[in-house]
Amino acid sequence: MMAYKVQGATVSPDTLCCSHCRSQGMTVVRLASKHQLKCWLKILGSKPTCKAPANVEVVWPNIIHGFCASQRVDPATLLRGLTPEALKDGFTRPAVEAKANEALAERDPVAAAVDLFDRGLYFQCNFEPNTEVESFPCQTLMIVKAARPGSHICEAARGLTDTSRTGLLMLGKAGLGTKFHVDRTQAENVAFSVIHKPKGKAKGKRDGSQAHFVLARWWFVHPHVAPKFAEFVRDSLHHADGLQEFMPKPEHWEHMLAFGSQNAIDGRDVVIVLNQGPGDIVMVPPGWPHAVSNVMPCCKLAWDHYDPRYLATYSAVHRDVASPLFRGDTVGDDYMAIGPTVTQGIEQAC
């Protein structure tokens, strides 16, 4: 009987069960193709409750310090290793779109992207390495991504789409980042310090001392208190749209941490902070609203992946957290296609 590697451990299909109704003893294909998919579709089709189902396990965010030995990248060298389509995607994103034409009119796409970074804009694009171009930074990031558990178990389950080969590259200075949003599936994010000297600027330190610096600060909110926290942000922090478009400012931090301790679950604060340094990788569980702010100029690589064991969680997150709290928000879009994945899976399995 075939066994699968899941999160670093060998799991036999006999040990898997439906995480929604707890039926036992099904193989992974039948588990992900028919019985459990019907349970997940039932979740997707029911009315949003803003409450995570009691039988859905909540995994806490985690960080591995020094996961990647390579801790620094040169933006220009890295960007040259991407496909033209990936770079083109970066210039269409809202954060840089207004300045993109001006930057591209005077220079090639790589130089234009670096120029936007120098001007304090947040450049993001798909991470699609160009196999025809030799780029050590791209090869390094591909190795980093390949070293993490992916979705290969999904390939044995009919009807599931493996999107783990895609990723997002983010390049920005201090103070930039991503406002509160939620990932419907597991996400991982690794940070690198930037080797770059803008024109006319003094030469920066190159002695490796940056390795001990914080590059990005992450704020996480437990999914069970997400609706209550959204009300807190609206009423106490005076952000009219709740979590939508909300980026924590220093004056908010003390109040947010106090909320976390006052609403603790099983003795653990429900608002947590992770400080990410060069080479550190952050594991983002599904359903945790989070925001990320750069403390120093940095480059980050992020990607999402499925695990059939947690599709019940993904469905619940899609219904109870992402849809009601981030409705109409571009960062809240179902870009991992949880709804269609489950629906198509049932159509193909039955």
Protein backbone atom coordinates (compact mmCIF):
# COMPACT_ATOMS: atom_id res chain seq x y z
CA MET A 1 0.00 0.00 0.00
CA MET A 2 1.32 3.42 -0.94
CA ALA A 3 2.26 5.89 1.81
CA TYR A 4 2.58 9.65 1.39
CA LYS A 5 4.96 12.21 2.83
CA VAL A 6 2.90 14.91 4.52
CA GLN A 7 4.54 17.77 6.47
CA GLY A 8 7.72 15.71 6.80
CA ALA A 9 6.02 12.58 8.20
CA THR A 10 5.01 9.39 6.43
CA VAL A 11 1.23 8.93 6.48
CA SER A 12 -0.55 5.80 5.34
CA PRO A 13 -3.92 6.34 3.61
CA ASP A 14 -5.43 3.96 6.18
CA THR A 15 -4.72 6.52 8.90
CA LEU A 16 -6.62 9.31 7.14
CA CYS A 17 -10.23 10.13 7.89
CA CYS A 18 -12.81 12.73 6.97
CA SER A 19 -11.95 15.79 9.05
CA HIS A 20 -15.57 17.00 8.83
CA CYS A 21 -17.68 13.99 9.80
CA ARG A 22 -14.85 11.76 11.10
CA SER A 23 -15.69 8.71 8.99
CA GLN A 24 -12.76 6.30 9.18
CA GLY A 25 -10.83 3.94 6.95
CA MET A 26 -10.87 5.48 3.46
CA THR A 27 -7.98 5.60 1.02
CA VAL A 28 -6.65 9.02 0.05
CA VAL A 29 -8.23 8.95 -3.41
CA ARG A 30 -11.68 8.05 -2.15
CA LEU A 31 -11.17 10.45 0.75
CA ALA A 32 -10.41 13.42 -1.44
CA SER A 33 -12.54 12.49 -4.43
CA LYS A 34 -15.96 11.57 -3.18
CA HIS A 35 -17.01 11.28 0.45
CA GLN A 36 -15.06 14.17 1.95
CA LEU A 37 -15.62 16.45 -1.02
CA LYS A 38 -19.35 16.14 -0.39
CA CYS A 39 -18.81 17.20 3.21
CA TRP A 40 -16.76 20.18 2.07
CA LEU A 41 -19.38 21.19 -0.47
CA LYS A 42 -21.95 21.11 2.33
CA ILE A 43 -19.78 23.59 4.25
CA LEU A 44 -19.39 25.86 1.23
CA GLY A 45 -23.13 25.83 0.55
CA SER A 46 -24.24 26.66 4.07
CA LYS A 47 -24.78 30.15 5.44
CA PRO A 48 -21.71 32.05 6.74
CA THR A 49 -21.54 31.99 10.52
CA CYS A 50 -18.23 33.80 11.24
CA LYS A 51 -17.48 30.86 13.55
CA ALA A 52 -15.00 28.10 12.84
CA PRO A 53 -16.59 24.62 13.14
CA ALA A 54 -15.67 22.98 16.41
CA ASN A 55 -14.28 19.90 14.66
CA VAL A 56 -11.87 21.89 12.47
CA GLU A 57 -8.40 21.90 13.97
CA VAL A 58 -6.77 25.32 14.34
CA VAL A 59 -3.06 25.30 13.56
CA TRP A 60 -1.03 28.17 15.02
CA PRO A 61 1.40 30.31 13.00
CA ASN A 62 5.04 29.39 13.30
CA ILE A 63 8.46 30.66 12.22
CA ILE A 64 11.71 28.81 11.54
CA HIS A 65 14.65 31.11 12.13
CA GLY A 66 17.58 30.67 9.77
CA PHE A 67 15.74 28.17 7.58
CA CYS A 68 17.56 29.39 4.47
CA ALA A 69 21.36 29.65 4.54
CA SER A 70 21.30 32.20 1.72
CA GLN A 71 20.02 35.37 3.39
CA ARG A 72 20.68 38.19 0.90
CA VAL A 73 19.72 38.87 -2.70
CA ASP A 74 20.45 41.52 -5.30
CA PRO A 75 17.08 42.69 -6.69
CA ALA A 76 18.31 43.30 -10.25
CA THR A 77 20.02 39.90 -10.53
CA LEU A 78 16.96 38.19 -9.09
CA LEU A 79 14.49 39.94 -11.39
CA ARG A 80 16.58 39.13 -14.48
CA GLY A 81 15.98 35.47 -13.73
CA LEU A 82 12.18 35.77 -14.03
CA THR A 83 10.10 35.23 -17.15
CA PRO A 84 9.02 38.34 -19.12
CA GLU A 85 5.41 37.44 -18.31
CA ALA A 86 6.12 37.49 -14.57
CA LEU A 87 7.73 40.94 -14.77
CA LYS A 88 4.88 42.23 -16.92
CA ASP A 89 2.43 41.06 -14.25
CA GLY A 90 4.27 43.17 -11.66
CA PHE A 91 3.68 46.42 -13.53
CA THR A 92 -0.08 45.88 -13.66
CA ARG A 93 -0.55 45.65 -9.88
CA PRO A 94 -2.32 48.56 -8.13
CA ALA A 95 0.66 49.53 -5.94
CA VAL A 96 2.81 50.53 -8.95
CA GLU A 97 0.39 50.83 -11.88
CA ALA A 98 0.26 54.64 -11.80
CA LYS A 99 4.05 54.96 -12.12
CA ALA A 100 4.68 51.90 -14.31
CA ASN A 101 4.43 53.55 -17.72
CA GLU A 102 6.77 56.35 -16.68
CA ALA A 103 9.36 53.88 -15.38
CA LEU A 104 9.11 51.59 -18.41
CA ALA A 105 9.41 54.48 -20.89
CA GLU A 106 12.99 55.18 -19.85
CA ARG A 107 14.45 51.73 -19.09
CA ASP A 108 14.09 47.98 -19.48
CA PRO A 109 11.64 46.09 -17.22
CA VAL A 110 14.29 44.97 -14.71
CA ALA A 111 15.73 48.47 -14.30
CA ALA A 112 12.19 49.88 -14.16
CA ALA A 113 11.22 47.50 -11.35
CA VAL A 114 14.36 48.39 -9.37
CA ASP A 115 13.61 52.09 -9.96
CA LEU A 116 10.11 51.67 -8.54
CA PHE A 117 11.64 49.93 -5.51
CA ASP A 118 14.12 52.84 -5.09
CA ARG A 119 11.21 55.29 -5.21
CA GLY A 120 9.52 53.56 -2.30
CA LEU A 121 6.88 51.55 -4.16
CA TYR A 122 6.01 47.95 -3.34
CA PHE A 123 6.86 45.79 -6.36
CA GLN A 124 5.14 42.41 -6.48
CA CYS A 125 5.06 39.87 -9.28
CA ASN A 126 4.56 36.18 -9.91
CA PHE A 127 7.63 34.09 -9.10
CA GLU A 128 8.17 32.33 -12.42
CA PRO A 129 11.87 31.58 -13.00
CA ASN A 130 13.05 31.72 -16.62
CA THR A 131 14.69 28.37 -17.31
CA GLU A 132 16.59 29.90 -20.24
CA VAL A 133 18.38 32.41 -18.02
CA GLU A 134 21.03 31.44 -15.47
CA SER A 135 20.16 33.25 -12.23
CA PHE A 136 21.69 32.12 -8.96
CA PRO A 137 19.14 34.04 -6.79
CA CYS A 138 16.24 32.40 -8.68
CA GLN A 139 17.84 28.98 -8.40
CA THR A 140 18.34 29.57 -4.67
CA LEU A 141 14.70 30.54 -4.15
CA MET A 142 13.53 27.55 -6.19
CA ILE A 143 15.60 25.27 -3.93
CA VAL A 144 14.10 26.92 -0.84
CA LYS A 145 10.59 26.41 -2.13
CA ALA A 146 11.26 22.82 -3.18
CA ALA A 147 12.58 22.03 0.31
CA ARG A 148 9.19 22.71 1.88
CA PRO A 149 6.27 20.24 1.93
CA GLY A 150 4.12 20.87 -1.10
CA SER A 151 0.97 19.44 -2.61
CA HIS A 152 2.29 16.25 -4.12
CA ILE A 153 -0.23 14.28 -2.05
CA CYS A 154 -2.92 16.18 -3.94
CA GLU A 155 -1.72 14.70 -7.22
CA ALA A 156 -3.01 11.31 -6.04
CA ALA A 157 -6.47 12.78 -5.38
CA ARG A 158 -8.63 13.24 -8.45
CA GLY A 159 -10.21 16.64 -8.92
CA LEU A 160 -7.68 18.66 -6.92
CA THR A 161 -5.56 21.28 -8.61
CA ASP A 162 -1.93 21.51 -7.53
CA THR A 163 -1.01 25.21 -7.46
CA SER A 164 2.06 24.77 -5.28
CA ARG A 165 4.41 25.46 -8.17
CA THR A 166 3.45 29.12 -8.26
CA GLY A 167 4.63 31.85 -5.95
CA LEU A 168 4.70 35.58 -5.34
CA LEU A 169 7.81 37.74 -5.18
CA MET A 170 7.63 40.96 -3.10
CA LEU A 171 10.22 43.72 -3.03
CA GLY A 172 9.79 46.79 -0.83
CA LYS A 173 11.35 49.24 1.58
CA ALA A 174 10.65 49.80 5.26
CA GLY A 175 7.07 50.77 6.06
CA LEU A 176 5.60 48.92 3.09
CA GLY A 177 3.80 45.62 3.33
CA THR A 178 0.46 43.85 3.07
CA LYS A 179 -2.69 44.98 4.87
CA PHE A 180 -4.87 42.56 6.79
CA HIS A 181 -6.05 39.62 4.68
CA VAL A 182 -6.61 35.88 5.08
CA ASP A 183 -5.22 32.88 3.22
CA ARG A 184 -7.69 30.07 2.60
CA THR A 185 -4.93 27.46 2.42
CA GLN A 186 -1.50 27.03 3.97
CA ALA A 187 1.01 29.70 2.99
CA GLU A 188 4.73 30.01 3.51
CA ASN A 189 6.92 33.09 3.27
CA VAL A 190 10.71 33.41 3.37
CA ALA A 191 12.53 36.77 3.66
CA PHE A 192 15.88 37.99 2.35
CA SER A 193 17.78 41.19 3.01
CA VAL A 194 18.56 43.31 -0.02
CA ILE A 195 22.01 43.96 -1.49
CA HIS A 196 21.41 47.20 -3.29
CA LYS A 197 22.94 50.67 -3.48
CA PRO A 198 20.56 53.29 -4.93
CA LYS A 199 22.23 55.94 -7.06
CA GLY A 200 23.58 58.83 -5.03
CA LYS A 201 23.31 56.95 -1.74
CA ALA A 202 26.09 56.08 0.64
CA LYS A 203 27.39 52.54 0.53
CA GLY A 204 25.59 50.30 3.04
CA LYS A 205 27.09 47.72 5.37
CA ARG A 206 28.09 44.46 3.74
CA ASP A 207 29.60 42.64 6.69
CA GLY A 208 26.66 40.27 7.16
CA SER A 209 25.51 41.98 10.39
CA GLN A 210 22.03 42.38 8.87
CA ALA A 211 21.46 38.70 9.53
CA HIS A 212 20.38 39.54 13.08
CA PHE A 213 18.00 42.32 12.07
CA VAL A 214 14.23 42.12 11.85
CA LEU A 215 13.14 42.53 8.25
CA ALA A 216 9.37 42.19 8.59
CA ARG A 217 6.81 42.18 11.41
CA TRP A 218 3.79 39.87 11.19
CA TRP A 219 0.49 40.36 13.06
CA PHE A 220 -1.82 37.33 13.35
CA VAL A 221 -5.37 37.10 14.73
CA HIS A 222 -6.91 33.78 15.79
CA PRO A 223 -9.76 32.81 13.42
CA HIS A 224 -12.18 32.13 16.30
CA VAL A 225 -12.04 35.79 17.36
CA ALA A 226 -11.66 37.34 13.90
CA PRO A 227 -15.21 38.80 13.78
CA LYS A 228 -14.82 40.23 17.29
CA PHE A 229 -11.41 41.67 16.40
CA ALA A 230 -12.87 43.28 13.27
CA GLU A 231 -15.44 45.03 15.49
CA PHE A 232 -12.63 46.07 17.85
CA VAL A 233 -10.67 47.59 14.95
CA ARG A 234 -13.74 49.48 13.78
CA ASP A 235 -14.96 50.73 17.17
CA SER A 236 -11.77 51.11 19.24
CA LEU A 237 -9.11 51.78 16.60
CA HIS A 238 -11.56 53.85 14.53
CA HIS A 239 -11.03 52.11 11.20
CA ALA A 240 -14.47 52.24 9.61
CA ASP A 241 -14.03 49.18 7.37
CA GLY A 242 -12.93 46.81 10.11
CA LEU A 243 -10.14 44.52 8.92
CA GLN A 244 -10.49 45.49 5.27
CA GLU A 245 -7.62 47.77 4.21
CA PHE A 246 -6.33 47.88 7.79
CA MET A 247 -2.57 48.15 8.42
CA PRO A 248 -1.51 48.33 12.10
CA LYS A 249 0.35 51.49 13.10
CA PRO A 250 2.65 51.82 16.14
CA GLU A 251 -0.08 53.61 18.08
CA HIS A 252 -2.31 50.53 17.59
CA TRP A 253 0.14 47.91 18.82
CA GLU A 254 -0.46 48.16 22.58
CA HIS A 255 -4.24 48.04 22.14
CA MET A 256 -4.05 45.06 19.79
CA LEU A 257 -1.85 43.09 22.18
CA ALA A 258 -4.21 43.92 25.05
CA PHE A 259 -7.12 42.57 23.01
CA GLY A 260 -5.10 39.41 22.42
CA SER A 261 -4.47 38.76 26.11
CA GLN A 262 -8.01 39.67 27.19
CA ASN A 263 -9.50 37.16 24.75
CA ALA A 264 -6.97 34.38 25.26
CA ILE A 265 -7.89 30.84 24.21
CA ASP A 266 -6.50 27.98 26.32
CA GLY A 267 -4.11 30.41 27.96
CA ARG A 268 -2.66 31.65 24.65
CA ASP A 269 -3.02 35.21 23.38
CA VAL A 270 -5.15 35.41 20.24
CA VAL A 271 -3.16 38.29 18.73
CA ILE A 272 0.44 37.29 18.13
CA VAL A 273 3.49 38.95 16.59
CA LEU A 274 6.28 37.20 14.69
CA ASN A 275 9.49 39.01 13.75
CA GLN A 276 11.01 37.69 10.52
CA GLY A 277 14.72 38.08 9.82
CA PRO A 278 16.87 37.18 6.80
CA GLY A 279 16.51 33.51 5.93
CA ASP A 280 13.52 33.05 8.26
CA ILE A 281 10.43 31.27 6.93
CA VAL A 282 6.95 31.97 8.31
CA MET A 283 4.30 29.24 8.15
CA VAL A 284 0.86 30.82 7.76
CA PRO A 285 -2.09 28.53 8.63
CA PRO A 286 -5.43 28.90 6.82
CA GLY A 287 -7.96 31.23 8.39
CA TRP A 288 -5.67 33.51 10.42
CA PRO A 289 -6.18 37.16 9.36
CA HIS A 290 -2.72 38.73 9.22
CA ALA A 291 -0.83 41.83 8.15
CA VAL A 292 2.86 42.19 7.28
CA SER A 293 4.96 45.35 7.55
CA ASN A 294 8.57 45.70 6.39
CA VAL A 295 10.92 46.94 9.09
CA MET A 296 13.84 47.13 6.64
CA PRO A 297 14.12 46.93 2.84
CA CYS A 298 13.69 43.28 1.92
CA CYS A 299 12.65 40.71 -0.63
CA LYS A 300 10.14 38.00 0.24
CA LEU A 301 8.98 34.88 -1.57
CA ALA A 302 5.55 33.49 -0.69
CA TRP A 303 3.50 30.55 -1.92
CA ASP A 304 0.35 28.64 -1.00
CA HIS A 305 -0.37 24.91 -1.15
CA TYR A 306 -3.15 22.43 -0.53
CA ASP A 307 -3.21 19.43 1.78
CA PRO A 308 -6.25 17.14 1.29
CA ARG A 309 -6.45 16.55 5.04
CA TYR A 310 -7.36 20.20 5.61
CA LEU A 311 -9.84 20.93 2.82
CA ALA A 312 -12.63 21.03 5.42
CA THR A 313 -10.71 23.86 7.09
CA TYR A 314 -10.21 25.64 3.76
CA SER A 315 -13.92 25.44 3.04
CA ALA A 316 -14.82 26.77 6.49
CA VAL A 317 -12.31 29.62 6.14
CA HIS A 318 -13.72 30.49 2.72
CA ARG A 319 -17.25 30.62 4.15
CA ASP A 320 -16.78 31.96 7.70
CA VAL A 321 -13.73 34.23 7.65
CA ALA A 322 -12.71 35.33 4.16
CA SER A 323 -16.14 35.91 2.64
CA PRO A 324 -17.85 37.89 5.45
CA LEU A 325 -14.80 39.85 6.69
CA PHE A 326 -13.04 40.60 3.40
CA ARG A 327 -15.91 40.70 0.91
CA GLY A 328 -15.00 42.78 -2.15
CA ASP A 329 -11.37 43.09 -1.05
CA THR A 330 -8.86 42.12 -3.74
CA VAL A 331 -6.56 40.46 -1.19
CA GLY A 332 -9.57 38.48 -0.02
CA ASP A 333 -10.25 36.94 -3.43
CA ASP A 334 -10.44 33.15 -3.65
CA TYR A 335 -7.36 33.00 -5.88
CA MET A 336 -6.63 29.44 -4.73
CA ALA A 337 -10.09 28.54 -6.10
CA ILE A 338 -11.28 26.62 -3.04
CA GLY A 339 -14.92 26.76 -4.14
CA PRO A 340 -14.36 25.55 -7.74
CA THR A 341 -11.78 22.98 -6.59
CA VAL A 342 -14.24 21.28 -4.24
CA THR A 343 -17.15 21.53 -6.68
CA GLN A 344 -15.19 20.21 -9.66
CA GLY A 345 -13.74 17.49 -7.49
CA ILE A 346 -17.22 16.17 -6.74
CA GLU A 347 -18.24 16.34 -10.40
CA GLN A 348 -15.18 14.32 -11.43
CA ALA A 349 -15.46 11.84 -8.56
CA CYS A 350 -19.15 10.97 -8.81
